[in-house]
C-alpha atoms as a PDB file:
ATOM      1  CA  MET A   1      -4.710   1.031 -21.162  1.00  0.00           C
ATOM      2  CA  SER A   2      -6.404   3.522 -19.947  1.00  0.00           C
ATOM      3  CA  THR A   3      -8.460   1.908 -17.298  1.00  0.00           C
ATOM      4  CA  PHE A   4      -8.361  -1.838 -16.044  1.00  0.00           C
ATOM      5  CA  ASP A   5      -9.537  -4.962 -18.010  1.00  0.00           C
ATOM      6  CA  PHE A   6     -10.800  -7.813 -16.230  1.00  0.00           C
ATOM      7  CA  ILE A   7     -12.019 -10.255 -19.287  1.00  0.00           C
ATOM      8  CA  ASN A   8      -8.968 -12.377 -19.377  1.00  0.00           C
ATOM      9  CA  ASN A   9      -8.755 -12.645 -15.864  1.00  0.00           C
ATOM     10  CA  GLN A  10      -4.644 -12.725 -16.609  1.00  0.00           C
ATOM     11  CA  PRO A  11      -3.149 -10.537 -14.297  1.00  0.00           C
ATOM     12  CA  LEU A  12       0.615 -11.278 -15.441  1.00  0.00           C
ATOM     13  CA  LYS A  13      -0.266 -10.647 -19.232  1.00  0.00           C
ATOM     14  CA  ASN A  14      -2.160  -6.986 -18.365  1.00  0.00           C
ATOM     15  CA  PHE A  15       1.394  -6.678 -16.416  1.00  0.00           C
ATOM     16  CA  GLU A  16       3.115  -7.401 -19.927  1.00  0.00           C
ATOM     17  CA  ILE A  17       0.585  -5.257 -21.370  1.00  0.00           C
ATOM     18  CA  ILE A  18       1.519  -1.973 -18.719  1.00  0.00           C
ATOM     19  CA  LEU A  19       5.143  -2.712 -18.926  1.00  0.00           C
ATOM     20  CA  LYS A  20       5.391  -2.945 -22.679  1.00  0.00           C
ATOM     21  CA  GLU A  21       3.612   0.679 -22.796  1.00  0.00           C
ATOM     22  CA  ALA A  22       6.407   2.016 -20.211  1.00  0.00           C
ATOM     23  CA  GLU A  23       9.294   0.713 -22.530  1.00  0.00           C
ATOM     24  CA  THR A  24       7.224   1.744 -25.864  1.00  0.00           C
ATOM     25  CA  LYS A  25       7.633   5.243 -24.563  1.00  0.00           C
ATOM     26  CA  GLY A  26      10.732   5.249 -23.706  1.00  0.00           C
ATOM     27  CA  LEU A  27      10.907   5.741 -19.895  1.00  0.00           C
ATOM     28  CA  PRO A  28      13.780   5.322 -18.316  1.00  0.00           C
ATOM     29  CA  GLU A  29      14.861   2.065 -16.442  1.00  0.00           C
ATOM     30  CA  PHE A  30      10.982   0.979 -17.170  1.00  0.00           C
ATOM     31  CA  ASN A  31      12.049  -2.428 -15.815  1.00  0.00           C
ATOM     32  CA  ALA A  32      12.684  -1.262 -12.243  1.00  0.00           C
ATOM     33  CA  MET A  33      11.096  -2.801  -9.466  1.00  0.00           C
ATOM     34  CA  ASN A  34      11.435  -1.924  -5.814  1.00  0.00           C
ATOM     35  CA  LEU A  35      12.378  -5.386  -4.075  1.00  0.00           C
ATOM     36  CA  ALA A  36      11.532  -5.195  -0.364  1.00  0.00           C
ATOM     37  CA  THR A  37      12.884  -8.496   1.918  1.00  0.00           C
ATOM     38  CA  VAL A  38      13.100  -8.911   5.633  1.00  0.00           C
ATOM     39  CA  ASP A  39      16.384 -10.190   7.610  1.00  0.00           C
ATOM     40  CA  GLY A  40      16.835 -12.185  10.525  1.00  0.00           C
ATOM     41  CA  ARG A  41      16.346  -9.496  12.876  1.00  0.00           C
ATOM     42  CA  GLN A  42      12.786  -8.514  11.390  1.00  0.00           C
ATOM     43  CA  ARG A  43      14.036  -5.715  10.187  1.00  0.00           C
ATOM     44  CA  PRO A  44      12.685  -4.538   6.099  1.00  0.00           C
ATOM     45  CA  SER A  45      15.007  -3.924   3.619  1.00  0.00           C
ATOM     46  CA  VAL A  46      14.596  -2.385   0.242  1.00  0.00           C
ATOM     47  CA  ARG A  47      16.343  -1.916  -3.384  1.00  0.00           C
ATOM     48  CA  VAL A  48      16.059  -1.431  -6.631  1.00  0.00           C
ATOM     49  CA  VAL A  49      16.648  -4.107  -9.123  1.00  0.00           C
ATOM     50  CA  LEU A  50      16.176  -4.939 -12.566  1.00  0.00           C
ATOM     51  CA  PHE A  51      12.677  -6.968 -13.739  1.00  0.00           C
ATOM     52  CA  LYS A  52      14.292  -9.490 -16.232  1.00  0.00           C
ATOM     53  CA  GLY A  53      11.421 -11.124 -17.896  1.00  0.00           C
ATOM     54  CA  LEU A  54       8.717 -13.760 -16.751  1.00  0.00           C
ATOM     55  CA  VAL A  55       9.647 -17.236 -16.449  1.00  0.00           C
ATOM     56  CA  ASP A  56       7.021 -20.297 -15.894  1.00  0.00           C
ATOM     57  CA  GLY A  57       4.612 -17.278 -14.353  1.00  0.00           C
ATOM     58  CA  ALA A  58       7.676 -15.603 -12.092  1.00  0.00           C
ATOM     59  CA  LEU A  59       8.903 -12.497 -12.229  1.00  0.00           C
ATOM     60  CA  THR A  60      13.060 -13.212 -12.607  1.00  0.00           C
ATOM     61  CA  PHE A  61      16.149 -10.749 -11.422  1.00  0.00           C
ATOM     62  CA  TYR A  62      19.431 -11.497 -11.035  1.00  0.00           C
ATOM     63  CA  THR A  63      22.023 -11.253  -8.292  1.00  0.00           C
ATOM     64  CA  ASN A  64      25.131 -12.210  -6.308  1.00  0.00           C
ATOM     65  CA  TYR A  65      23.607 -14.839  -3.942  1.00  0.00           C
ATOM     66  CA  GLN A  66      26.500 -13.897  -1.018  1.00  0.00           C
ATOM     67  CA  GLY A  67      24.778 -10.240  -0.843  1.00  0.00           C
ATOM     68  CA  LYS A  68      22.061  -9.014   1.913  1.00  0.00           C
ATOM     69  CA  LYS A  69      19.048  -9.523  -0.337  1.00  0.00           C
ATOM     70  CA  ALA A  70      20.075 -13.267  -0.515  1.00  0.00           C
ATOM     71  CA  LYS A  71      20.679 -13.727   3.074  1.00  0.00           C
ATOM     72  CA  ASP A  72      17.496 -11.898   3.796  1.00  0.00           C
ATOM     73  CA  LEU A  73      15.649 -14.247   1.315  1.00  0.00           C
ATOM     74  CA  GLU A  74      17.334 -17.130   2.778  1.00  0.00           C
ATOM     75  CA  PHE A  75      15.587 -16.297   6.350  1.00  0.00           C
ATOM     76  CA  ASN A  76      12.425 -15.003   4.565  1.00  0.00           C
ATOM     77  CA  SER A  77      11.309 -16.459   1.244  1.00  0.00           C
ATOM     78  CA  TYR A  78       8.658 -13.998   1.161  1.00  0.00           C
ATOM     79  CA  ALA A  79       9.148 -11.011  -0.839  1.00  0.00           C
ATOM     80  CA  SER A  80       7.328  -7.620  -2.154  1.00  0.00           C
ATOM     81  CA  ALA A  81       7.859  -5.751  -5.456  1.00  0.00           C
ATOM     82  CA  ASN A  82       6.931  -2.609  -6.686  1.00  0.00           C
ATOM     83  CA  PHE A  83       6.893  -0.835 -10.002  1.00  0.00           C
ATOM     84  CA  PHE A  84       6.176   2.620 -10.487  1.00  0.00           C
ATOM     85  CA  TRP A  85       5.958   4.919 -13.801  1.00  0.00           C
ATOM     86  CA  PRO A  86       4.906   8.011 -12.712  1.00  0.00           C
ATOM     87  CA  GLN A  87       4.662   9.767 -15.965  1.00  0.00           C
ATOM     88  CA  LEU A  88       1.850   6.957 -16.658  1.00  0.00           C
ATOM     89  CA  GLU A  89       0.428   6.825 -13.146  1.00  0.00           C
ATOM     90  CA  ARG A  90       0.639   3.607 -13.117  1.00  0.00           C
ATOM     91  CA  GLN A  91       1.880   1.166 -10.015  1.00  0.00           C
ATOM     92  CA  VAL A  92       2.087  -2.588 -10.073  1.00  0.00           C
ATOM     93  CA  ARG A  93       2.427  -4.171  -6.280  1.00  0.00           C
ATOM     94  CA  VAL A  94       3.514  -7.891  -6.280  1.00  0.00           C
ATOM     95  CA  GLU A  95       3.767 -10.402  -3.154  1.00  0.00           C
ATOM     96  CA  GLY A  96       4.837 -13.820  -3.549  1.00  0.00           C
ATOM     97  CA  GLN A  97       7.559 -16.694  -2.404  1.00  0.00           C
ATOM     98  CA  VAL A  98      10.973 -16.232  -3.951  1.00  0.00           C
ATOM     99  CA  GLU A  99      13.157 -19.350  -5.134  1.00  0.00           C
ATOM    100  CA  LYS A 100      16.410 -19.877  -6.544  1.00  0.00           C
ATOM    101  CA  MET A 101      16.346 -19.965 -10.421  1.00  0.00           C
ATOM    102  CA  SER A 102      18.021 -23.157 -11.835  1.00  0.00           C
ATOM    103  CA  ARG A 103      21.534 -23.179 -12.378  1.00  0.00           C
ATOM    104  CA  GLU A 104      21.061 -23.912 -16.393  1.00  0.00           C
ATOM    105  CA  LEU A 105      19.104 -20.561 -16.483  1.00  0.00           C
ATOM    106  CA  SER A 106      21.191 -18.255 -14.459  1.00  0.00           C
ATOM    107  CA  GLU A 107      24.033 -19.312 -16.707  1.00  0.00           C
ATOM    108  CA  LYS A 108      22.160 -19.277 -19.823  1.00  0.00           C
ATOM    109  CA  TYR A 109      21.328 -15.339 -18.785  1.00  0.00           C
ATOM    110  CA  PHE A 110      25.019 -15.013 -17.965  1.00  0.00           C
ATOM    111  CA  GLN A 111      26.701 -15.791 -21.097  1.00  0.00           C
ATOM    112  CA  PRO A 112      25.576 -12.987 -23.375  1.00  0.00           C
ATOM    113  CA  ARG A 113      25.761 -10.094 -20.568  1.00  0.00           C
ATOM    114  CA  PRO A 114      28.379  -7.249 -21.006  1.00  0.00           C
ATOM    115  CA  ARG A 115      32.052  -8.482 -20.270  1.00  0.00           C
ATOM    116  CA  ILE A 116      32.020  -6.369 -17.662  1.00  0.00           C
ATOM    117  CA  SER A 117      29.186  -7.293 -15.961  1.00  0.00           C
ATOM    118  CA  GLN A 118      30.547 -10.490 -16.375  1.00  0.00           C
ATOM    119  CA  ILE A 119      33.930  -9.920 -14.523  1.00  0.00           C
ATOM    120  CA  GLY A 120      32.183  -7.534 -12.098  1.00  0.00           C
ATOM    121  CA  ALA A 121      29.976 -10.561 -10.697  1.00  0.00           C
ATOM    122  CA  TRP A 122      33.611 -12.766 -10.257  1.00  0.00           C
ATOM    123  CA  ALA A 123      34.860  -9.114  -8.485  1.00  0.00           C
ATOM    124  CA  SER A 124      32.236  -7.823  -6.221  1.00  0.00           C
ATOM    125  CA  ASN A 125      31.695  -9.687  -2.759  1.00  0.00           C
ATOM    126  CA  GLN A 126      28.232  -8.007  -2.882  1.00  0.00           C
ATOM    127  CA  SER A 127      27.204  -5.865   0.362  1.00  0.00           C
ATOM    128  CA  GLU A 128      30.832  -6.444   2.082  1.00  0.00           C
ATOM    129  CA  LYS A 129      32.547  -3.740   3.463  1.00  0.00           C
ATOM    130  CA  ILE A 130      35.983  -2.714   1.722  1.00  0.00           C
ATOM    131  CA  GLU A 131      38.584  -0.048   2.044  1.00  0.00           C
ATOM    132  CA  SER A 132      38.135   1.818  -1.170  1.00  0.00           C
ATOM    133  CA  PHE A 133      36.936   1.516  -4.672  1.00  0.00           C
ATOM    134  CA  GLU A 134      40.505   0.423  -6.020  1.00  0.00           C
ATOM    135  CA  VAL A 135      39.895  -2.756  -4.307  1.00  0.00           C
ATOM    136  CA  ILE A 136      37.284  -3.562  -6.608  1.00  0.00           C
ATOM    137  CA  GLN A 137      39.500  -2.058  -9.404  1.00  0.00           C
ATOM    138  CA  ASN A 138      42.494  -4.184  -8.484  1.00  0.00           C
ATOM    139  CA  LYS A 139      40.144  -7.346  -8.507  1.00  0.00           C
ATOM    140  CA  ILE A 140      38.762  -6.285 -11.921  1.00  0.00           C
ATOM    141  CA  GLN A 141      42.193  -5.903 -13.345  1.00  0.00           C
ATOM    142  CA  VAL A 142      43.365  -9.253 -12.324  1.00  0.00           C
ATOM    143  CA  LEU A 143      40.490 -11.056 -13.372  1.00  0.00           C
ATOM    144  CA  GLU A 144      40.929  -9.613 -16.607  1.00  0.00           C
ATOM    145  CA  GLU A 145      44.463 -10.754 -17.463  1.00  0.00           C
ATOM    146  CA  LYS A 146      42.903 -14.057 -16.119  1.00  0.00           C
ATOM    147  CA  TYR A 147      40.238 -14.379 -18.721  1.00  0.00           C
ATOM    148  CA  ALA A 148      42.240 -12.815 -21.208  1.00  0.00           C
ATOM    149  CA  GLY A 149      40.887 -14.145 -24.153  1.00  0.00           C
ATOM    150  CA  LYS A 150      38.472 -16.709 -22.461  1.00  0.00           C
ATOM    151  CA  GLU A 151      34.865 -16.996 -21.999  1.00  0.00           C
ATOM    152  CA  VAL A 152      34.250 -15.482 -18.867  1.00  0.00           C
ATOM    153  CA  PRO A 153      32.002 -18.430 -16.467  1.00  0.00           C
ATOM    154  CA  CYS A 154      29.183 -17.844 -14.528  1.00  0.00           C
ATOM    155  CA  PRO A 155      30.381 -17.717 -10.920  1.00  0.00           C
ATOM    156  CA  PRO A 156      28.537 -20.375  -8.513  1.00  0.00           C
ATOM    157  CA  HIS A 157      27.778 -17.481  -5.891  1.00  0.00           C
ATOM    158  CA  TRP A 158      25.763 -15.716  -8.877  1.00  0.00           C
ATOM    159  CA  GLY A 159      22.317 -16.566 -10.414  1.00  0.00           C
ATOM    160  CA  GLY A 160      18.502 -15.928 -10.608  1.00  0.00           C
ATOM    161  CA  TYR A 161      15.781 -15.802  -8.574  1.00  0.00           C
ATOM    162  CA  LEU A 162      12.229 -16.541  -9.392  1.00  0.00           C
ATOM    163  CA  LEU A 163       9.755 -14.376  -7.568  1.00  0.00           C
ATOM    164  CA  ARG A 164       6.315 -16.519  -7.621  1.00  0.00           C
ATOM    165  CA  PRO A 165       3.396 -14.138  -7.158  1.00  0.00           C
ATOM    166  CA  ASN A 166       0.189 -14.864  -4.857  1.00  0.00           C
ATOM    167  CA  THR A 167      -0.695 -11.151  -4.972  1.00  0.00           C
ATOM    168  CA  ILE A 168      -0.774  -8.858  -7.812  1.00  0.00           C
ATOM    169  CA  GLU A 169      -2.131  -5.193  -7.611  1.00  0.00           C
ATOM    170  CA  PHE A 170      -2.433  -2.980 -10.433  1.00  0.00           C
ATOM    171  CA  TRP A 171      -2.845   0.938  -9.439  1.00  0.00           C
ATOM    172  CA  PHE A 172      -4.032   3.874 -11.921  1.00  0.00           C
ATOM    173  CA  GLY A 173      -3.791   7.697 -10.630  1.00  0.00           C
ATOM    174  CA  ARG A 174      -6.818   9.663 -10.691  1.00  0.00           C
ATOM    175  CA  GLU A 175      -7.463  13.168  -9.988  1.00  0.00           C
ATOM    176  CA  GLY A 176      -7.883  13.900  -6.016  1.00  0.00           C
ATOM    177  CA  ARG A 177      -6.290  10.782  -5.306  1.00  0.00           C
ATOM    178  CA  LEU A 178      -9.156   8.519  -5.986  1.00  0.00           C
ATOM    179  CA  HIS A 179      -7.051   5.934  -7.362  1.00  0.00           C
ATOM    180  CA  GLU A 180      -8.628   2.691  -8.985  1.00  0.00           C
ATOM    181  CA  ARG A 181      -6.723  -0.438  -7.348  1.00  0.00           C
ATOM    182  CA  TYR A 182      -7.563  -3.626  -9.088  1.00  0.00           C
ATOM    183  CA  VAL A 183      -6.221  -6.714  -6.669  1.00  0.00           C
ATOM    184  CA  TYR A 184      -5.666 -10.463  -7.901  1.00  0.00           C
ATOM    185  CA  GLU A 185      -5.070 -12.994  -5.022  1.00  0.00           C
ATOM    186  CA  LEU A 186      -4.438 -16.572  -5.761  1.00  0.00           C
ATOM    187  CA  VAL A 187      -6.505 -19.174  -4.350  1.00  0.00           C
ATOM    188  CA  ASN A 188      -6.371 -22.929  -5.147  1.00  0.00           C
ATOM    189  CA  GLY A 189      -3.923 -22.132  -8.034  1.00  0.00           C
ATOM    190  CA  LYS A 190      -6.786 -19.701  -9.517  1.00  0.00           C
ATOM    191  CA  TRP A 191      -6.813 -16.193  -9.666  1.00  0.00           C
ATOM    192  CA  SER A 192      -9.538 -14.267  -8.374  1.00  0.00           C
ATOM    193  CA  HIS A 193      -9.850 -10.238  -7.842  1.00  0.00           C
ATOM    194  CA  PHE A 194     -11.742  -7.266  -6.073  1.00  0.00           C
ATOM    195  CA  LEU A 195     -11.632  -3.793  -6.349  1.00  0.00           C
ATOM    196  CA  ARG A 196      -9.645  -1.885  -3.275  1.00  0.00           C
ATOM    197  CA  SER A 197     -11.019   1.311  -1.851  1.00  0.00           C
ATOM    198  CA  PRO A 198      -8.375   4.428  -2.764  1.00  0.00           C
END
């Protein structure tokens, strides 16, 4: 995709095309997205999470529900995400409301995860202070013994989120920083679009 195509007026479909291009070209962590939230003191915070696919028109990611990002989202469910592939000179910005995924979908995603990731979801009190990394290692050892020969269940404090976009911007890098910026906005359940100045 060398330039943006408005023909189908489906921003999520076009997002998937760009994402697939990044994957096909073998870009590292092609599905990494910067997720920005705001806490109870109105302070923004941003971190990289992995985009795990579209569900019912929403972007999905998974995390500990007791960590900082989860606490931020409890205070303010509006978030912003950004994908950047410098090798392709492509960028996609997404804004929208975030809600917890159903328990059924979270558990379905959790089951095929690598066992160390499953154990880690139980071992880590995400974002909390710890004395040393040995604390985590010791917890992992105890949990490995507890679940030896058994299936590791999905922790109740771990699961997915759905970011339901109401604004999506597609950015195409151009010479002289005269970038092309195409913006989609969801209005009354339908997408409208316009071109934004570089």
